[in-house]
Amino acid sequence: MRRIALALVSLSLLSGCHGQIARPANAPRKAVFILLDGIPADVIERVATPNIDAIAAAGGYARAYVGGTLGTPTETPTISAPGYMSLLTATWANKHNVRGNSNQSPNYAYWNIFRIVESADSTRHTAVFSTWLDNRTVLIGAGRAGAGNFKLDHAADGFELDTVAFPHDKASRYILAIDDRVSRDAAAYIATRGPDLSWVYLQHTDDVAHANGDSEASDAAVRQADEFVGRVWAAVKQRESIGERWMIVVTTDHGRDAVSGKGHGGKSTRERTTWIATNQPALDARFTSGAAAIVDITPSLLHHLRIPIRAAVAKEMEGVSFLR
């Protein structure tokens, strides 16, 4: 299967191939990470997703995991918000304190990637494009004193509160419309402004899976999400054509139950098994062997961006960079 091969082989030889854009050593480094909600690894490997495949062909694809280590303090529910927070802070729920999607009380003592970047260099341009407002206002804690009172430079979110432009329906088609809007906004902003660090979050795949489980409807939602990823990937390539060095990561926050594919939150292998695709070819053995975790994404993005991590913050991180 196409992604299994990518998971087993590092494609670092691509860096010497013809067609690569020559960039000076001091070229601006930029990064964007995309989170597609609730897509198990076996689904992303089976469904045709040409844009994610193209990203992986430039770098690599591998299975990964969420949920910490079973039977230890790091064990974390395979639920969306805990997954997002594990990605953002490179810690598990025993530290970041997010264990569900509501009534959250994040422990902001464990810094998220945006706070790290803004604190290291406030001239860095940061942006969030999200189908869920709480990602910025609660989990990242932008503007909150307890979270460091830092500001993001741009946000395109909160559309779920606009019931006029996005009238709510039982089938959650409005979430698909918001994903469409979010991905278009992200692509346009990245193409024109080239922010240093961006997060793009798209929700519809999880909603469809909750309603339909493993089904053609879920497969169709994954294919649609891949089209949205393609918009952002095209914007990244446009920025690369002017000499910038970009890292893009596409991932998910949890898998699904093995019986129906509708649920998640438990400890099963399928719920804990996720995946990561990136355009970066210099990937270490942990990545290519499928041993990387969602907590490794933030250290990898910071590695690419050459952002220093304060010692007190770094020592609490449970993830490490998968870049060589």
C-alpha atoms as a PDB file:
ATOM      1  CA  MET A   1       0.000   0.000   0.000  1.00  0.00           C
ATOM      2  CA  ARG A   2       1.343   3.413  -0.947  1.00  0.00           C
ATOM      3  CA  ARG A   3       1.712   4.929   2.535  1.00  0.00           C
ATOM      4  CA  ILE A   4       3.061   1.788   4.151  1.00  0.00           C
ATOM      5  CA  ALA A   5       6.008   2.010   1.776  1.00  0.00           C
ATOM      6  CA  LEU A   6       6.491   5.645   2.678  1.00  0.00           C
ATOM      7  CA  ALA A   7       6.379   4.754   6.347  1.00  0.00           C
ATOM      8  CA  LEU A   8       9.224   2.295   5.967  1.00  0.00           C
ATOM      9  CA  VAL A   9      11.573   4.274   3.749  1.00  0.00           C
ATOM     10  CA  SER A  10      13.141   7.649   4.396  1.00  0.00           C
ATOM     11  CA  LEU A  11      12.974   9.810   1.310  1.00  0.00           C
ATOM     12  CA  SER A  12      15.877  12.056   2.176  1.00  0.00           C
ATOM     13  CA  LEU A  13      17.475  11.315  -1.195  1.00  0.00           C
ATOM     14  CA  LEU A  14      14.871  13.629  -2.692  1.00  0.00           C
ATOM     15  CA  SER A  15      16.878  16.611  -1.508  1.00  0.00           C
ATOM     16  CA  GLY A  16      19.377  16.019  -4.263  1.00  0.00           C
ATOM     17  CA  CYS A  17      16.904  15.425  -7.062  1.00  0.00           C
ATOM     18  CA  HIS A  18      16.405  17.724 -10.005  1.00  0.00           C
ATOM     19  CA  GLY A  19      13.557  20.219  -9.718  1.00  0.00           C
ATOM     20  CA  GLN A  20      14.374  21.204  -6.146  1.00  0.00           C
ATOM     21  CA  ILE A  21      14.341  24.927  -5.514  1.00  0.00           C
ATOM     22  CA  ALA A  22      17.720  26.292  -4.477  1.00  0.00           C
ATOM     23  CA  ARG A  23      17.421  28.280  -1.255  1.00  0.00           C
ATOM     24  CA  PRO A  24      20.130  30.181   0.591  1.00  0.00           C
ATOM     25  CA  ALA A  25      21.107  28.872   4.007  1.00  0.00           C
ATOM     26  CA  ASN A  26      19.548  31.921   5.647  1.00  0.00           C
ATOM     27  CA  ALA A  27      16.218  31.611   3.806  1.00  0.00           C
ATOM     28  CA  PRO A  28      13.180  32.400   5.999  1.00  0.00           C
ATOM     29  CA  ARG A  29      11.844  29.293   7.739  1.00  0.00           C
ATOM     30  CA  LYS A  30       8.074  28.909   8.017  1.00  0.00           C
ATOM     31  CA  ALA A  31       5.766  26.149   9.247  1.00  0.00           C
ATOM     32  CA  VAL A  32       2.122  25.116   9.145  1.00  0.00           C
ATOM     33  CA  PHE A  33       0.470  22.146  10.806  1.00  0.00           C
ATOM     34  CA  ILE A  34      -2.919  20.794   9.772  1.00  0.00           C
ATOM     35  CA  LEU A  35      -5.071  18.649  12.033  1.00  0.00           C
ATOM     36  CA  LEU A  36      -7.838  16.605  10.411  1.00  0.00           C
ATOM     37  CA  ASP A  37     -10.104  15.339  13.157  1.00  0.00           C
ATOM     38  CA  GLY A  38     -10.621  11.671  13.923  1.00  0.00           C
ATOM     39  CA  ILE A  39      -9.146   9.786  10.947  1.00  0.00           C
ATOM     40  CA  PRO A  40      -7.658   6.376  11.839  1.00  0.00           C
ATOM     41  CA  ALA A  41      -4.390   5.364  10.232  1.00  0.00           C
ATOM     42  CA  ASP A  42      -5.972   2.433   8.374  1.00  0.00           C
ATOM     43  CA  VAL A  43      -8.489   4.820   6.783  1.00  0.00           C
ATOM     44  CA  ILE A  44      -5.980   7.443   5.642  1.00  0.00           C
ATOM     45  CA  GLU A  45      -3.897   4.592   4.190  1.00  0.00           C
ATOM     46  CA  ARG A  46      -6.842   3.103   2.281  1.00  0.00           C
ATOM     47  CA  VAL A  47      -8.697   6.158   0.957  1.00  0.00           C
ATOM     48  CA  ALA A  48      -7.323   8.073  -2.028  1.00  0.00           C
ATOM     49  CA  THR A  49      -5.795  11.327  -0.750  1.00  0.00           C
ATOM     50  CA  PRO A  50      -3.510  12.629  -3.498  1.00  0.00           C
ATOM     51  CA  ASN A  51      -2.582  15.868  -1.726  1.00  0.00           C
ATOM     52  CA  ILE A  52      -1.494  14.202   1.497  1.00  0.00           C
ATOM     53  CA  ASP A  53       0.352  11.657  -0.649  1.00  0.00           C
ATOM     54  CA  ALA A  54       2.164  14.488  -2.435  1.00  0.00           C
ATOM     55  CA  ILE A  55       3.268  15.969   0.881  1.00  0.00           C
ATOM     56  CA  ALA A  56       4.503  12.554   2.036  1.00  0.00           C
ATOM     57  CA  ALA A  57       6.291  12.003  -1.273  1.00  0.00           C
ATOM     58  CA  ALA A  58       8.320  15.157  -0.622  1.00  0.00           C
ATOM     59  CA  GLY A  59       9.194  13.952   2.872  1.00  0.00           C
ATOM     60  CA  GLY A  60       7.587  11.011   4.587  1.00  0.00           C
ATOM     61  CA  TYR A  61       4.543   9.358   6.115  1.00  0.00           C
ATOM     62  CA  ALA A  62       4.364   7.092   9.141  1.00  0.00           C
ATOM     63  CA  ARG A  63       1.961   5.805  11.698  1.00  0.00           C
ATOM     64  CA  ALA A  64       2.172   7.463  15.109  1.00  0.00           C
ATOM     65  CA  TYR A  65       0.329   7.270  18.407  1.00  0.00           C
ATOM     66  CA  VAL A  66      -1.711   9.308  20.866  1.00  0.00           C
ATOM     67  CA  GLY A  67      -2.879   8.614  24.407  1.00  0.00           C
ATOM     68  CA  GLY A  68       0.423   8.494  26.248  1.00  0.00           C
ATOM     69  CA  THR A  69       1.723   5.238  27.701  1.00  0.00           C
ATOM     70  CA  LEU A  70      -0.974   2.901  28.976  1.00  0.00           C
ATOM     71  CA  GLY A  71      -0.893   2.191  32.686  1.00  0.00           C
ATOM     72  CA  THR A  72       1.309   5.186  33.497  1.00  0.00           C
ATOM     73  CA  PRO A  73       0.551   8.755  34.595  1.00  0.00           C
ATOM     74  CA  THR A  74       0.865   9.885  30.966  1.00  0.00           C
ATOM     75  CA  GLU A  75      -2.151   7.826  29.838  1.00  0.00           C
ATOM     76  CA  THR A  76      -4.433  10.301  28.050  1.00  0.00           C
ATOM     77  CA  PRO A  77      -7.991   9.905  26.720  1.00  0.00           C
ATOM     78  CA  THR A  78      -8.191   9.454  22.950  1.00  0.00           C
ATOM     79  CA  ILE A  79     -10.492  12.467  22.689  1.00  0.00           C
ATOM     80  CA  SER A  80     -10.083  15.528  20.493  1.00  0.00           C
ATOM     81  CA  ALA A  81      -9.159  18.366  22.868  1.00  0.00           C
ATOM     82  CA  PRO A  82      -6.635  16.260  24.826  1.00  0.00           C
ATOM     83  CA  GLY A  83      -5.079  15.327  21.496  1.00  0.00           C
ATOM     84  CA  TYR A  84      -4.866  18.941  20.355  1.00  0.00           C
ATOM     85  CA  MET A  85      -3.306  19.964  23.665  1.00  0.00           C
ATOM     86  CA  SER A  86      -0.790  17.125  23.525  1.00  0.00           C
ATOM     87  CA  LEU A  87       0.263  18.347  20.099  1.00  0.00           C
ATOM     88  CA  LEU A  88       0.422  22.003  21.143  1.00  0.00           C
ATOM     89  CA  THR A  89       2.413  21.491  24.361  1.00  0.00           C
ATOM     90  CA  ALA A  90       4.374  18.290  23.665  1.00  0.00           C
ATOM     91  CA  THR A  91       3.007  16.937  26.944  1.00  0.00           C
ATOM     92  CA  TRP A  92       0.336  14.424  27.943  1.00  0.00           C
ATOM     93  CA  ALA A  93      -2.809  15.098  29.964  1.00  0.00           C
ATOM     94  CA  ASN A  94      -1.160  14.518  33.346  1.00  0.00           C
ATOM     95  CA  LYS A  95       0.612  17.808  32.653  1.00  0.00           C
ATOM     96  CA  HIS A  96      -1.608  19.887  30.340  1.00  0.00           C
ATOM     97  CA  ASN A  97      -4.754  18.840  32.296  1.00  0.00           C
ATOM     98  CA  VAL A  98      -7.146  18.640  29.327  1.00  0.00           C
ATOM     99  CA  ARG A  99      -9.061  15.355  29.469  1.00  0.00           C
ATOM    100  CA  GLY A 100     -12.240  16.148  27.538  1.00  0.00           C
ATOM    101  CA  ASN A 101     -13.886  18.529  25.101  1.00  0.00           C
ATOM    102  CA  SER A 102     -15.805  20.583  27.677  1.00  0.00           C
ATOM    103  CA  ASN A 103     -15.246  22.171  31.091  1.00  0.00           C
ATOM    104  CA  GLN A 104     -11.560  22.465  30.327  1.00  0.00           C
ATOM    105  CA  SER A 105      -9.018  23.845  32.756  1.00  0.00           C
ATOM    106  CA  PRO A 106      -5.730  23.804  30.848  1.00  0.00           C
ATOM    107  CA  ASN A 107      -2.571  23.983  32.882  1.00  0.00           C
ATOM    108  CA  TYR A 108      -0.848  26.844  31.109  1.00  0.00           C
ATOM    109  CA  ALA A 109       2.373  26.205  33.015  1.00  0.00           C
ATOM    110  CA  TYR A 110       3.181  23.858  30.141  1.00  0.00           C
ATOM    111  CA  TRP A 111       3.747  26.254  27.266  1.00  0.00           C
ATOM    112  CA  ASN A 112       2.152  25.707  23.885  1.00  0.00           C
ATOM    113  CA  ILE A 113       4.029  26.191  20.618  1.00  0.00           C
ATOM    114  CA  PHE A 114       2.544  29.630  19.936  1.00  0.00           C
ATOM    115  CA  ARG A 115       3.567  30.953  23.337  1.00  0.00           C
ATOM    116  CA  ILE A 116       7.066  29.548  22.807  1.00  0.00           C
ATOM    117  CA  VAL A 117       7.403  31.228  19.410  1.00  0.00           C
ATOM    118  CA  GLU A 118       5.915  34.566  20.456  1.00  0.00           C
ATOM    119  CA  SER A 119       8.055  34.669  23.618  1.00  0.00           C
ATOM    120  CA  ALA A 120      11.226  33.830  21.731  1.00  0.00           C
ATOM    121  CA  ASP A 121      10.604  36.425  19.022  1.00  0.00           C
ATOM    122  CA  SER A 122       7.490  38.592  19.086  1.00  0.00           C
ATOM    123  CA  THR A 123       8.165  39.722  15.512  1.00  0.00           C
ATOM    124  CA  ARG A 124       7.302  36.226  14.295  1.00  0.00           C
ATOM    125  CA  HIS A 125       3.933  36.194  12.547  1.00  0.00           C
ATOM    126  CA  THR A 126       1.490  33.623  13.951  1.00  0.00           C
ATOM    127  CA  ALA A 127      -1.942  32.548  12.730  1.00  0.00           C
ATOM    128  CA  VAL A 128      -4.744  30.112  13.527  1.00  0.00           C
ATOM    129  CA  PHE A 129      -7.447  28.914  11.134  1.00  0.00           C
ATOM    130  CA  SER A 130      -9.953  26.762  12.965  1.00  0.00           C
ATOM    131  CA  THR A 131     -13.427  25.275  12.835  1.00  0.00           C
ATOM    132  CA  TRP A 132     -13.524  25.342  16.653  1.00  0.00           C
ATOM    133  CA  LEU A 133     -13.097  28.672  18.457  1.00  0.00           C
ATOM    134  CA  ASP A 134     -11.937  27.058  21.711  1.00  0.00           C
ATOM    135  CA  ASN A 135      -8.705  25.991  20.063  1.00  0.00           C
ATOM    136  CA  ARG A 136      -7.520  29.587  20.196  1.00  0.00           C
ATOM    137  CA  THR A 137      -9.417  31.043  23.141  1.00  0.00           C
ATOM    138  CA  VAL A 138      -9.188  28.134  25.596  1.00  0.00           C
ATOM    139  CA  LEU A 139      -6.507  25.626  24.611  1.00  0.00           C
ATOM    140  CA  ILE A 140      -3.927  28.065  23.269  1.00  0.00           C
ATOM    141  CA  GLY A 141      -5.230  30.686  25.690  1.00  0.00           C
ATOM    142  CA  ALA A 142      -4.354  33.606  23.430  1.00  0.00           C
ATOM    143  CA  GLY A 143      -4.734  36.861  25.351  1.00  0.00           C
ATOM    144  CA  ARG A 144      -5.212  35.117  28.708  1.00  0.00           C
ATOM    145  CA  ALA A 145      -3.015  36.337  31.531  1.00  0.00           C
ATOM    146  CA  GLY A 146      -2.503  32.831  32.875  1.00  0.00           C
ATOM    147  CA  ALA A 147      -1.308  31.655  29.474  1.00  0.00           C
ATOM    148  CA  GLY A 148       1.275  34.411  29.137  1.00  0.00           C
ATOM    149  CA  ASN A 149      -0.975  37.129  27.699  1.00  0.00           C
ATOM    150  CA  PHE A 150       0.537  36.714  24.243  1.00  0.00           C
ATOM    151  CA  LYS A 151      -1.299  37.694  21.080  1.00  0.00           C
ATOM    152  CA  LEU A 152      -1.663  35.845  17.812  1.00  0.00           C
ATOM    153  CA  ASP A 153      -1.249  38.002  14.746  1.00  0.00           C
ATOM    154  CA  HIS A 154      -4.194  36.569  12.841  1.00  0.00           C
ATOM    155  CA  ALA A 155      -7.173  34.297  13.473  1.00  0.00           C
ATOM    156  CA  ALA A 156      -9.909  32.940  11.232  1.00  0.00           C
ATOM    157  CA  ASP A 157     -12.268  31.090  13.554  1.00  0.00           C
ATOM    158  CA  GLY A 158     -15.538  31.363  15.465  1.00  0.00           C
ATOM    159  CA  PHE A 159     -17.608  30.705  12.344  1.00  0.00           C
ATOM    160  CA  GLU A 160     -19.650  28.078  14.214  1.00  0.00           C
ATOM    161  CA  LEU A 161     -21.192  30.958  16.183  1.00  0.00           C
ATOM    162  CA  ASP A 162     -22.496  32.607  13.001  1.00  0.00           C
ATOM    163  CA  THR A 163     -25.799  30.805  12.470  1.00  0.00           C
ATOM    164  CA  VAL A 164     -26.800  33.210   9.702  1.00  0.00           C
ATOM    165  CA  ALA A 165     -23.881  32.506   7.380  1.00  0.00           C
ATOM    166  CA  PHE A 166     -23.662  28.903   8.585  1.00  0.00           C
ATOM    167  CA  PRO A 167     -27.163  27.750   9.610  1.00  0.00           C
ATOM    168  CA  HIS A 168     -26.893  24.677  11.805  1.00  0.00           C
ATOM    169  CA  ASP A 169     -28.339  21.388  10.610  1.00  0.00           C
ATOM    170  CA  LYS A 170     -28.609  17.930  12.185  1.00  0.00           C
ATOM    171  CA  ALA A 171     -26.315  16.404   9.569  1.00  0.00           C
ATOM    172  CA  SER A 172     -23.559  18.928  10.416  1.00  0.00           C
ATOM    173  CA  ARG A 173     -23.217  20.018   6.816  1.00  0.00           C
ATOM    174  CA  TYR A 174     -22.563  23.481   8.212  1.00  0.00           C
ATOM    175  CA  ILE A 175     -19.319  22.136   9.671  1.00  0.00           C
ATOM    176  CA  LEU A 176     -18.262  21.087   6.180  1.00  0.00           C
ATOM    177  CA  ALA A 177     -19.064  24.598   4.961  1.00  0.00           C
ATOM    178  CA  ILE A 178     -16.948  26.039   7.768  1.00  0.00           C
ATOM    179  CA  ASP A 179     -14.059  23.681   6.959  1.00  0.00           C
ATOM    180  CA  ASP A 180     -14.290  24.908   3.376  1.00  0.00           C
ATOM    181  CA  ARG A 181     -14.149  28.531   4.548  1.00  0.00           C
ATOM    182  CA  VAL A 182     -11.317  27.879   6.999  1.00  0.00           C
ATOM    183  CA  SER A 183      -9.187  26.096   4.397  1.00  0.00           C
ATOM    184  CA  ARG A 184      -9.769  28.844   1.828  1.00  0.00           C
ATOM    185  CA  ASP A 185      -8.867  31.542   4.362  1.00  0.00           C
ATOM    186  CA  ALA A 186      -5.751  29.640   5.393  1.00  0.00           C
ATOM    187  CA  ALA A 187      -4.572  29.113   1.836  1.00  0.00           C
ATOM    188  CA  ALA A 188      -5.161  32.732   0.854  1.00  0.00           C
ATOM    189  CA  TYR A 189      -3.462  34.122   3.952  1.00  0.00           C
ATOM    190  CA  ILE A 190      -0.454  31.828   3.702  1.00  0.00           C
ATOM    191  CA  ALA A 191      -0.035  32.605   0.014  1.00  0.00           C
ATOM    192  CA  THR A 192      -0.162  36.374   0.520  1.00  0.00           C
ATOM    193  CA  ARG A 193       1.305  36.874   4.004  1.00  0.00           C
ATOM    194  CA  GLY A 194       3.480  33.818   4.671  1.00  0.00           C
ATOM    195  CA  PRO A 195       3.051  33.658   8.463  1.00  0.00           C
ATOM    196  CA  ASP A 196       5.928  32.067  10.345  1.00  0.00           C
ATOM    197  CA  LEU A 197       3.711  29.571  12.182  1.00  0.00           C
ATOM    198  CA  SER A 198       0.124  28.558  11.407  1.00  0.00           C
ATOM    199  CA  TRP A 199      -2.355  25.972  12.666  1.00  0.00           C
ATOM    200  CA  VAL A 200      -5.196  24.788  10.428  1.00  0.00           C
ATOM    201  CA  TYR A 201      -7.902  22.705  12.139  1.00  0.00           C
ATOM    202  CA  LEU A 202     -10.710  20.964  10.206  1.00  0.00           C
ATOM    203  CA  GLN A 203     -13.513  19.092  11.993  1.00  0.00           C
ATOM    204  CA  HIS A 204     -15.957  17.549   9.523  1.00  0.00           C
ATOM    205  CA  THR A 205     -14.300  14.127   9.226  1.00  0.00           C
ATOM    206  CA  ASP A 206     -14.940  13.452  12.915  1.00  0.00           C
ATOM    207  CA  ASP A 207     -18.595  14.488  12.722  1.00  0.00           C
ATOM    208  CA  VAL A 208     -19.240  12.191   9.771  1.00  0.00           C
ATOM    209  CA  ALA A 209     -17.514   9.255  11.454  1.00  0.00           C
ATOM    210  CA  HIS A 210     -19.524   9.733  14.655  1.00  0.00           C
ATOM    211  CA  ALA A 211     -22.721   9.596  12.614  1.00  0.00           C
ATOM    212  CA  ASN A 212     -21.809   6.867  10.122  1.00  0.00           C
ATOM    213  CA  GLY A 213     -18.815   4.949  11.434  1.00  0.00           C
ATOM    214  CA  ASP A 214     -16.679   3.088   8.929  1.00  0.00           C
ATOM    215  CA  SER A 215     -18.577   3.846   5.745  1.00  0.00           C
ATOM    216  CA  GLU A 216     -18.473   5.374   2.301  1.00  0.00           C
ATOM    217  CA  ALA A 217     -19.736   8.606   3.873  1.00  0.00           C
ATOM    218  CA  SER A 218     -16.652   8.715   6.106  1.00  0.00           C
ATOM    219  CA  ASP A 219     -14.374   7.874   3.185  1.00  0.00           C
ATOM    220  CA  ALA A 220     -15.943  10.713   1.172  1.00  0.00           C
ATOM    221  CA  ALA A 221     -15.344  13.124   4.056  1.00  0.00           C
ATOM    222  CA  VAL A 222     -11.664  12.120   4.104  1.00  0.00           C
ATOM    223  CA  ARG A 223     -11.380  12.716   0.373  1.00  0.00           C
ATOM    224  CA  GLN A 224     -12.961  16.144   0.830  1.00  0.00           C
ATOM    225  CA  ALA A 225     -10.559  16.966   3.655  1.00  0.00           C
ATOM    226  CA  ASP A 226      -7.674  16.054   1.371  1.00  0.00           C
ATOM    227  CA  GLU A 227      -8.925  18.621  -1.141  1.00  0.00           C
ATOM    228  CA  PHE A 228      -8.852  21.233   1.618  1.00  0.00           C
ATOM    229  CA  VAL A 229      -5.297  20.186   2.506  1.00  0.00           C
ATOM    230  CA  GLY A 230      -4.415  20.615  -1.161  1.00  0.00           C
ATOM    231  CA  ARG A 231      -5.306  24.298  -0.995  1.00  0.00           C
ATOM    232  CA  VAL A 232      -2.869  24.876   1.858  1.00  0.00           C
ATOM    233  CA  TRP A 233      -0.186  22.744   0.202  1.00  0.00           C
ATOM    234  CA  ALA A 234      -0.498  24.804  -2.984  1.00  0.00           C
ATOM    235  CA  ALA A 235      -0.041  27.987  -0.938  1.00  0.00           C
ATOM    236  CA  VAL A 236       3.046  26.526   0.741  1.00  0.00           C
ATOM    237  CA  LYS A 237       4.554  25.622  -2.633  1.00  0.00           C
ATOM    238  CA  GLN A 238       3.840  29.144  -3.829  1.00  0.00           C
ATOM    239  CA  ARG A 239       5.775  30.532  -0.857  1.00  0.00           C
ATOM    240  CA  GLU A 240       8.599  28.060  -1.451  1.00  0.00           C
ATOM    241  CA  SER A 241       8.888  29.319  -5.026  1.00  0.00           C
ATOM    242  CA  ILE A 242      10.058  32.688  -3.674  1.00  0.00           C
ATOM    243  CA  GLY A 243      12.820  31.038  -1.649  1.00  0.00           C
ATOM    244  CA  GLU A 244      11.253  30.327   1.754  1.00  0.00           C
ATOM    245  CA  ARG A 245      11.862  27.054   3.597  1.00  0.00           C
ATOM    246  CA  TRP A 246       8.546  25.543   4.691  1.00  0.00           C
ATOM    247  CA  MET A 247       7.638  22.616   6.884  1.00  0.00           C
ATOM    248  CA  ILE A 248       4.113  21.264   6.619  1.00  0.00           C
ATOM    249  CA  VAL A 249       2.721  18.574   8.904  1.00  0.00           C
ATOM    250  CA  VAL A 250      -0.655  16.878   8.451  1.00  0.00           C
ATOM    251  CA  THR A 251      -1.952  14.678  11.256  1.00  0.00           C
ATOM    252  CA  THR A 252      -4.982  13.633  13.279  1.00  0.00           C
ATOM    253  CA  ASP A 253      -5.899  13.652  16.963  1.00  0.00           C
ATOM    254  CA  HIS A 254      -7.187  10.105  17.533  1.00  0.00           C
ATOM    255  CA  GLY A 255      -8.336   6.963  15.786  1.00  0.00           C
ATOM    256  CA  ARG A 256     -11.708   5.235  16.206  1.00  0.00           C
ATOM    257  CA  ASP A 257     -13.126   2.132  17.826  1.00  0.00           C
ATOM    258  CA  ALA A 258     -12.521  -1.115  15.960  1.00  0.00           C
ATOM    259  CA  VAL A 259     -16.143  -2.337  16.090  1.00  0.00           C
ATOM    260  CA  SER A 260     -18.090   0.423  14.331  1.00  0.00           C
ATOM    261  CA  GLY A 261     -15.684   3.288  13.726  1.00  0.00           C
ATOM    262  CA  LYS A 262     -18.152   5.662  15.376  1.00  0.00           C
ATOM    263  CA  GLY A 263     -16.614   6.103  18.787  1.00  0.00           C
ATOM    264  CA  HIS A 264     -13.277   6.914  20.378  1.00  0.00           C
ATOM    265  CA  GLY A 265     -11.863   7.811  23.762  1.00  0.00           C
ATOM    266  CA  GLY A 266     -10.735   4.360  24.846  1.00  0.00           C
ATOM    267  CA  LYS A 267      -7.491   2.424  24.954  1.00  0.00           C
ATOM    268  CA  SER A 268      -7.770   0.205  21.893  1.00  0.00           C
ATOM    269  CA  THR A 269      -4.937   0.030  19.390  1.00  0.00           C
ATOM    270  CA  ARG A 270      -7.073   1.560  16.645  1.00  0.00           C
ATOM    271  CA  GLU A 271      -8.085   4.507  18.844  1.00  0.00           C
ATOM    272  CA  ARG A 272      -4.455   5.128  19.796  1.00  0.00           C
ATOM    273  CA  THR A 273      -2.948   4.694  16.319  1.00  0.00           C
ATOM    274  CA  THR A 274      -2.654   7.902  14.303  1.00  0.00           C
ATOM    275  CA  TRP A 275      -0.376   9.107  11.501  1.00  0.00           C
ATOM    276  CA  ILE A 276       1.844  11.982  10.434  1.00  0.00           C
ATOM    277  CA  ALA A 277       2.656  13.206   6.922  1.00  0.00           C
ATOM    278  CA  THR A 278       5.292  15.870   6.333  1.00  0.00           C
ATOM    279  CA  ASN A 279       7.244  17.379   3.458  1.00  0.00           C
ATOM    280  CA  GLN A 280      10.501  17.181   5.430  1.00  0.00           C
ATOM    281  CA  PRO A 281      12.818  14.460   4.051  1.00  0.00           C
ATOM    282  CA  ALA A 282      15.375  14.331   6.881  1.00  0.00           C
ATOM    283  CA  LEU A 283      13.386  12.088   9.232  1.00  0.00           C
ATOM    284  CA  ASP A 284      14.846   9.995  12.028  1.00  0.00           C
ATOM    285  CA  ALA A 285      14.400   6.277  12.646  1.00  0.00           C
ATOM    286  CA  ARG A 286      11.704   6.824  15.267  1.00  0.00           C
ATOM    287  CA  PHE A 287       9.546   8.523  12.655  1.00  0.00           C
ATOM    288  CA  THR A 288      10.125   6.053   9.850  1.00  0.00           C
ATOM    289  CA  SER A 289       9.531   3.065  12.165  1.00  0.00           C
ATOM    290  CA  GLY A 290       6.169   4.420  13.339  1.00  0.00           C
ATOM    291  CA  ALA A 291       7.326   5.107  16.900  1.00  0.00           C
ATOM    292  CA  ALA A 292       6.686   8.874  16.883  1.00  0.00           C
ATOM    293  CA  ALA A 293       3.853  10.379  18.918  1.00  0.00           C
ATOM    294  CA  ILE A 294       1.639  13.428  18.613  1.00  0.00           C
ATOM    295  CA  VAL A 295       3.818  15.090  21.289  1.00  0.00           C
ATOM    296  CA  ASP A 296       6.781  14.985  18.881  1.00  0.00           C
ATOM    297  CA  ILE A 297       5.202  17.407  16.405  1.00  0.00           C
ATOM    298  CA  THR A 298       5.797  20.666  18.303  1.00  0.00           C
ATOM    299  CA  PRO A 299       9.500  19.923  18.989  1.00  0.00           C
ATOM    300  CA  SER A 300       9.903  19.084  15.290  1.00  0.00           C
ATOM    301  CA  LEU A 301       8.256  22.314  14.130  1.00  0.00           C
ATOM    302  CA  LEU A 302      10.418  24.342  16.530  1.00  0.00           C
ATOM    303  CA  HIS A 303      13.496  22.451  15.292  1.00  0.00           C
ATOM    304  CA  HIS A 304      12.677  23.466  11.721  1.00  0.00           C
ATOM    305  CA  LEU A 305      11.949  27.070  12.697  1.00  0.00           C
ATOM    306  CA  ARG A 306      15.196  27.274  14.700  1.00  0.00           C
ATOM    307  CA  ILE A 307      13.248  28.593  17.685  1.00  0.00           C
ATOM    308  CA  PRO A 308      15.049  28.123  21.020  1.00  0.00           C
ATOM    309  CA  ILE A 309      13.007  26.557  23.819  1.00  0.00           C
ATOM    310  CA  ARG A 310      13.513  27.887  27.335  1.00  0.00           C
ATOM    311  CA  ALA A 311      15.210  25.266  29.491  1.00  0.00           C
ATOM    312  CA  ALA A 312      12.388  25.209  32.038  1.00  0.00           C
ATOM    313  CA  VAL A 313       9.862  24.581  29.246  1.00  0.00           C
ATOM    314  CA  ALA A 314      11.976  22.064  27.354  1.00  0.00           C
ATOM    315  CA  LYS A 315      12.597  19.856  30.386  1.00  0.00           C
ATOM    316  CA  GLU A 316       8.833  19.288  30.788  1.00  0.00           C
ATOM    317  CA  MET A 317       8.255  18.245  27.171  1.00  0.00           C
ATOM    318  CA  GLU A 318       7.619  14.564  26.625  1.00  0.00           C
ATOM    319  CA  GLY A 319       8.125  14.778  22.875  1.00  0.00           C
ATOM    320  CA  VAL A 320      11.318  15.147  20.846  1.00  0.00           C
ATOM    321  CA  SER A 321      11.982  16.279  17.294  1.00  0.00           C
ATOM    322  CA  PHE A 322      11.739  13.602  14.620  1.00  0.00           C
ATOM    323  CA  LEU A 323      13.882  15.703  12.245  1.00  0.00           C
ATOM    324  CA  ARG A 324      17.503  14.753  11.696  1.00  0.00           C
END
